[in-house]
C-alpha atoms as a PDB file:
ATOM      1  CA  MET A   1      48.292  69.185 116.587  1.00  0.00           C
ATOM      2  CA  GLN A   2      49.303  66.716 119.216  1.00  0.00           C
ATOM      3  CA  ASN A   3      49.019  63.106 118.230  1.00  0.00           C
ATOM      4  CA  SER A   4      47.570  60.372 120.467  1.00  0.00           C
ATOM      5  CA  LEU A   5      50.410  58.048 119.508  1.00  0.00           C
ATOM      6  CA  ASN A   6      52.898  60.635 120.807  1.00  0.00           C
ATOM      7  CA  TYR A   7      50.982  60.791 124.081  1.00  0.00           C
ATOM      8  CA  PHE A   8      51.093  57.039 124.558  1.00  0.00           C
ATOM      9  CA  THR A   9      54.775  56.896 123.624  1.00  0.00           C
ATOM     10  CA  ASN A  10      55.637  59.627 126.121  1.00  0.00           C
ATOM     11  CA  ASP A  11      53.434  58.031 128.761  1.00  0.00           C
ATOM     12  CA  LEU A  12      55.181  54.675 128.301  1.00  0.00           C
ATOM     13  CA  PHE A  13      58.607  56.320 128.329  1.00  0.00           C
ATOM     14  CA  LEU A  14      57.888  58.156 131.596  1.00  0.00           C
ATOM     15  CA  ARG A  15      56.453  55.077 133.285  1.00  0.00           C
ATOM     16  CA  GLN A  16      59.564  53.057 132.397  1.00  0.00           C
ATOM     17  CA  SER A  17      62.030  55.825 133.235  1.00  0.00           C
ATOM     18  CA  GLU A  18      64.475  54.930 136.029  1.00  0.00           C
ATOM     19  CA  LEU A  19      64.759  58.585 136.962  1.00  0.00           C
ATOM     20  CA  PHE A  20      61.093  59.695 136.779  1.00  0.00           C
ATOM     21  CA  GLY A  21      59.102  56.447 136.771  1.00  0.00           C
ATOM     22  CA  GLU A  22      58.279  56.307 140.482  1.00  0.00           C
ATOM     23  CA  ASP A  23      57.276  59.983 140.691  1.00  0.00           C
ATOM     24  CA  TYR A  24      55.184  59.638 137.555  1.00  0.00           C
ATOM     25  CA  LYS A  25      53.311  56.619 138.928  1.00  0.00           C
ATOM     26  CA  LYS A  26      52.711  58.305 142.311  1.00  0.00           C
ATOM     27  CA  ASN A  27      51.245  61.457 140.786  1.00  0.00           C
ATOM     28  CA  GLU A  28      49.126  59.493 138.308  1.00  0.00           C
ATOM     29  CA  ILE A  29      49.416  62.096 135.564  1.00  0.00           C
ATOM     30  CA  ARG A  30      46.615  61.498 133.095  1.00  0.00           C
ATOM     31  CA  HIS A  31      45.434  62.846 129.787  1.00  0.00           C
ATOM     32  CA  VAL A  32      42.773  65.441 130.673  1.00  0.00           C
ATOM     33  CA  HIS A  33      39.912  66.406 128.372  1.00  0.00           C
ATOM     34  CA  THR A  34      37.577  69.211 129.304  1.00  0.00           C
ATOM     35  CA  PHE A  35      36.105  71.488 126.700  1.00  0.00           C
ATOM     36  CA  ASN A  36      34.624  74.371 128.682  1.00  0.00           C
ATOM     37  CA  ASP A  37      38.078  75.680 129.414  1.00  0.00           C
ATOM     38  CA  LEU A  38      41.384  74.744 127.927  1.00  0.00           C
ATOM     39  CA  SER A  39      42.866  72.082 130.097  1.00  0.00           C
ATOM     40  CA  VAL A  40      43.336  69.702 127.229  1.00  0.00           C
ATOM     41  CA  SER A  41      46.466  68.058 126.018  1.00  0.00           C
ATOM     42  CA  ASP A  42      44.877  67.078 122.746  1.00  0.00           C
ATOM     43  CA  LEU A  43      44.107  70.296 120.883  1.00  0.00           C
ATOM     44  CA  GLU A  44      42.543  68.444 117.977  1.00  0.00           C
ATOM     45  CA  ASP A  45      39.636  67.337 120.196  1.00  0.00           C
ATOM     46  CA  TRP A  46      39.271  70.857 121.561  1.00  0.00           C
ATOM     47  CA  PHE A  47      39.321  72.324 118.041  1.00  0.00           C
ATOM     48  CA  ASN A  48      36.698  69.849 116.778  1.00  0.00           C
ATOM     49  CA  SER A  49      34.444  70.454 119.778  1.00  0.00           C
ATOM     50  CA  ILE A  50      34.540  74.209 119.093  1.00  0.00           C
ATOM     51  CA  LEU A  51      33.758  73.728 115.396  1.00  0.00           C
ATOM     52  CA  THR A  52      30.828  71.515 116.360  1.00  0.00           C
ATOM     53  CA  LYS A  53      29.473  73.863 119.035  1.00  0.00           C
ATOM     54  CA  TYR A  54      29.966  77.049 116.991  1.00  0.00           C
ATOM     55  CA  SER A  55      28.899  75.813 113.558  1.00  0.00           C
ATOM     56  CA  PHE A  56      28.345  79.399 112.344  1.00  0.00           C
ATOM     57  CA  LEU A  57      32.113  79.980 111.946  1.00  0.00           C
ATOM     58  CA  ASN A  58      33.118  80.878 108.396  1.00  0.00           C
ATOM     59  CA  ASN A  59      36.319  79.871 106.582  1.00  0.00           C
ATOM     60  CA  LEU A  60      38.220  83.023 107.611  1.00  0.00           C
ATOM     61  CA  GLN A  61      37.388  82.501 111.279  1.00  0.00           C
ATOM     62  CA  ILE A  62      38.378  78.842 111.099  1.00  0.00           C
ATOM     63  CA  LYS A  63      41.665  79.706 109.384  1.00  0.00           C
ATOM     64  CA  ASN A  64      42.519  82.355 112.009  1.00  0.00           C
ATOM     65  CA  PHE A  65      41.541  79.997 114.813  1.00  0.00           C
ATOM     66  CA  GLN A  66      43.738  77.263 113.301  1.00  0.00           C
ATOM     67  CA  ASN A  67      46.667  79.712 113.274  1.00  0.00           C
ATOM     68  CA  PHE A  68      45.981  80.395 116.940  1.00  0.00           C
ATOM     69  CA  LEU A  69      46.014  76.647 117.655  1.00  0.00           C
ATOM     70  CA  LEU A  70      49.297  76.153 115.789  1.00  0.00           C
ATOM     71  CA  SER A  71      50.880  78.786 118.023  1.00  0.00           C
ATOM     72  CA  LEU A  72      49.224  77.249 121.060  1.00  0.00           C
ATOM     73  CA  THR A  73      50.645  73.832 120.180  1.00  0.00           C
ATOM     74  CA  TYR A  74      54.133  75.257 120.519  1.00  0.00           C
ATOM     75  CA  VAL A  75      53.328  77.113 123.742  1.00  0.00           C
ATOM     76  CA  LEU A  76      51.828  74.022 125.398  1.00  0.00           C
ATOM     77  CA  GLY A  77      55.277  72.478 125.265  1.00  0.00           C
ATOM     78  CA  GLU A  78      56.411  75.289 127.561  1.00  0.00           C
ATOM     79  CA  ILE A  79      53.326  75.871 129.764  1.00  0.00           C
ATOM     80  CA  ASP A  80      51.081  73.558 131.749  1.00  0.00           C
ATOM     81  CA  PRO A  81      47.760  73.620 129.817  1.00  0.00           C
ATOM     82  CA  ASN A  82      45.804  73.372 133.067  1.00  0.00           C
ATOM     83  CA  LYS A  83      47.048  76.859 133.991  1.00  0.00           C
ATOM     84  CA  LEU A  84      45.781  78.547 130.827  1.00  0.00           C
ATOM     85  CA  LYS A  85      42.048  78.209 131.579  1.00  0.00           C
ATOM     86  CA  ILE A  86      40.892  79.600 128.235  1.00  0.00           C
ATOM     87  CA  LYS A  87      37.130  79.974 128.020  1.00  0.00           C
ATOM     88  CA  VAL A  88      35.229  79.903 124.721  1.00  0.00           C
ATOM     89  CA  ASP A  89      32.090  81.853 123.909  1.00  0.00           C
ATOM     90  CA  SER A  90      30.349  83.550 121.005  1.00  0.00           C
ATOM     91  CA  ILE A  91      29.256  87.112 120.393  1.00  0.00           C
ATOM     92  CA  GLU A  92      25.855  87.479 118.696  1.00  0.00           C
ATOM     93  CA  ASP A  93      26.239  84.049 117.058  1.00  0.00           C
ATOM     94  CA  SER A  94      28.740  85.419 114.551  1.00  0.00           C
ATOM     95  CA  ASP A  95      32.083  85.896 116.343  1.00  0.00           C
ATOM     96  CA  LEU A  96      34.202  83.416 118.298  1.00  0.00           C
ATOM     97  CA  LEU A  97      35.501  84.763 121.610  1.00  0.00           C
ATOM     98  CA  LEU A  98      38.382  83.231 123.579  1.00  0.00           C
ATOM     99  CA  TRP A  99      38.994  84.762 126.988  1.00  0.00           C
ATOM    100  CA  ARG A 100      40.858  84.132 130.179  1.00  0.00           C
ATOM    101  CA  GLU A 101      40.891  85.789 133.546  1.00  0.00           C
ATOM    102  CA  SER A 102      44.042  86.268 135.565  1.00  0.00           C
ATOM    103  CA  ASP A 103      44.811  88.021 138.834  1.00  0.00           C
ATOM    104  CA  ASN A 104      45.517  91.186 136.815  1.00  0.00           C
ATOM    105  CA  GLY A 105      42.471  91.307 134.529  1.00  0.00           C
ATOM    106  CA  ILE A 106      40.729  89.738 131.548  1.00  0.00           C
ATOM    107  CA  SER A 107      42.323  89.039 128.143  1.00  0.00           C
ATOM    108  CA  MET A 108      40.101  88.414 125.125  1.00  0.00           C
ATOM    109  CA  ILE A 109      40.684  87.414 121.511  1.00  0.00           C
ATOM    110  CA  THR A 110      37.789  87.673 119.081  1.00  0.00           C
ATOM    111  CA  PHE A 111      37.721  86.045 115.648  1.00  0.00           C
ATOM    112  CA  ASP A 112      35.080  88.055 113.804  1.00  0.00           C
ATOM    113  CA  ASP A 113      33.131  87.029 110.718  1.00  0.00           C
ATOM    114  CA  LEU A 114      35.017  89.543 108.528  1.00  0.00           C
ATOM    115  CA  GLY A 115      38.345  87.807 109.161  1.00  0.00           C
ATOM    116  CA  GLN A 116      39.643  90.274 111.720  1.00  0.00           C
ATOM    117  CA  VAL A 117      41.281  89.230 114.973  1.00  0.00           C
ATOM    118  CA  VAL A 118      40.600  91.605 117.858  1.00  0.00           C
ATOM    119  CA  TYR A 119      42.577  91.597 121.092  1.00  0.00           C
ATOM    120  CA  ASN A 120      41.227  93.279 124.239  1.00  0.00           C
ATOM    121  CA  TYR A 121      42.658  93.479 127.720  1.00  0.00           C
ATOM    122  CA  LEU A 122      40.757  94.954 130.661  1.00  0.00           C
ATOM    123  CA  GLY A 123      42.997  95.297 133.699  1.00  0.00           C
ATOM    124  CA  LYS A 124      41.708  95.392 137.238  1.00  0.00           C
ATOM    125  CA  ASN A 125      43.829  98.510 137.706  1.00  0.00           C
ATOM    126  CA  GLY A 126      41.933 100.292 134.897  1.00  0.00           C
ATOM    127  CA  LYS A 127      44.464  99.563 132.142  1.00  0.00           C
ATOM    128  CA  LYS A 128      42.869  98.859 128.748  1.00  0.00           C
ATOM    129  CA  THR A 129      44.519  97.568 125.597  1.00  0.00           C
ATOM    130  CA  LYS A 130      42.904  96.962 122.218  1.00  0.00           C
ATOM    131  CA  GLY A 131      44.306  95.801 118.918  1.00  0.00           C
ATOM    132  CA  ILE A 132      42.532  95.031 115.652  1.00  0.00           C
ATOM    133  CA  PHE A 133      44.401  92.876 113.160  1.00  0.00           C
ATOM    134  CA  ASN A 134      43.546  91.932 109.610  1.00  0.00           C
ATOM    135  CA  GLN A 135      45.407  89.234 107.725  1.00  0.00           C
ATOM    136  CA  ASN A 136      49.010  88.331 108.590  1.00  0.00           C
ATOM    137  CA  VAL A 137      48.783  88.809 112.349  1.00  0.00           C
ATOM    138  CA  ASP A 138      51.734  87.438 114.314  1.00  0.00           C
ATOM    139  CA  MET A 139      49.603  84.910 116.172  1.00  0.00           C
ATOM    140  CA  GLU A 140      52.436  83.675 118.376  1.00  0.00           C
ATOM    141  CA  LYS A 141      53.150  87.184 119.668  1.00  0.00           C
ATOM    142  CA  LEU A 142      49.431  87.787 120.186  1.00  0.00           C
ATOM    143  CA  LEU A 143      49.094  84.473 122.038  1.00  0.00           C
ATOM    144  CA  TYR A 144      51.936  85.337 124.407  1.00  0.00           C
ATOM    145  CA  LYS A 145      50.305  88.694 125.118  1.00  0.00           C
ATOM    146  CA  PHE A 146      46.971  86.907 125.674  1.00  0.00           C
ATOM    147  CA  ILE A 147      48.386  84.469 128.223  1.00  0.00           C
ATOM    148  CA  SER A 148      50.797  86.847 129.951  1.00  0.00           C
ATOM    149  CA  MET A 149      48.368  89.632 130.897  1.00  0.00           C
END
């Protein structure tokens, strides 16, 4: 998870940079926190807000969601988090649903109460993809599929 101290260190470094300092100050890049969709730089806050809002999550769901966040931590170093726009919802107050809409369709990852991770993609061109994973899912590969569709 990203650490607030790292944020402040990077912020200070960029502000004092001879090469990037002026551009950084002009654009006024700030630490953004919104919890309805993923445009957060601090995943720990996002994770805690989800655990608070969806208190029905069991240990298997939390563990799978943590694995997703670990993969997401790496990806956020490569991708602007404001572009991901991941929405969070629940299905019948038992399953956690993460979804995002792109120009091509909707990608969804469900963390069900039995410990399964389900991936669905519904393309605007009619393409459909579904995968059901038990333990030991390659979360990084699944995450890339989730954000690339």
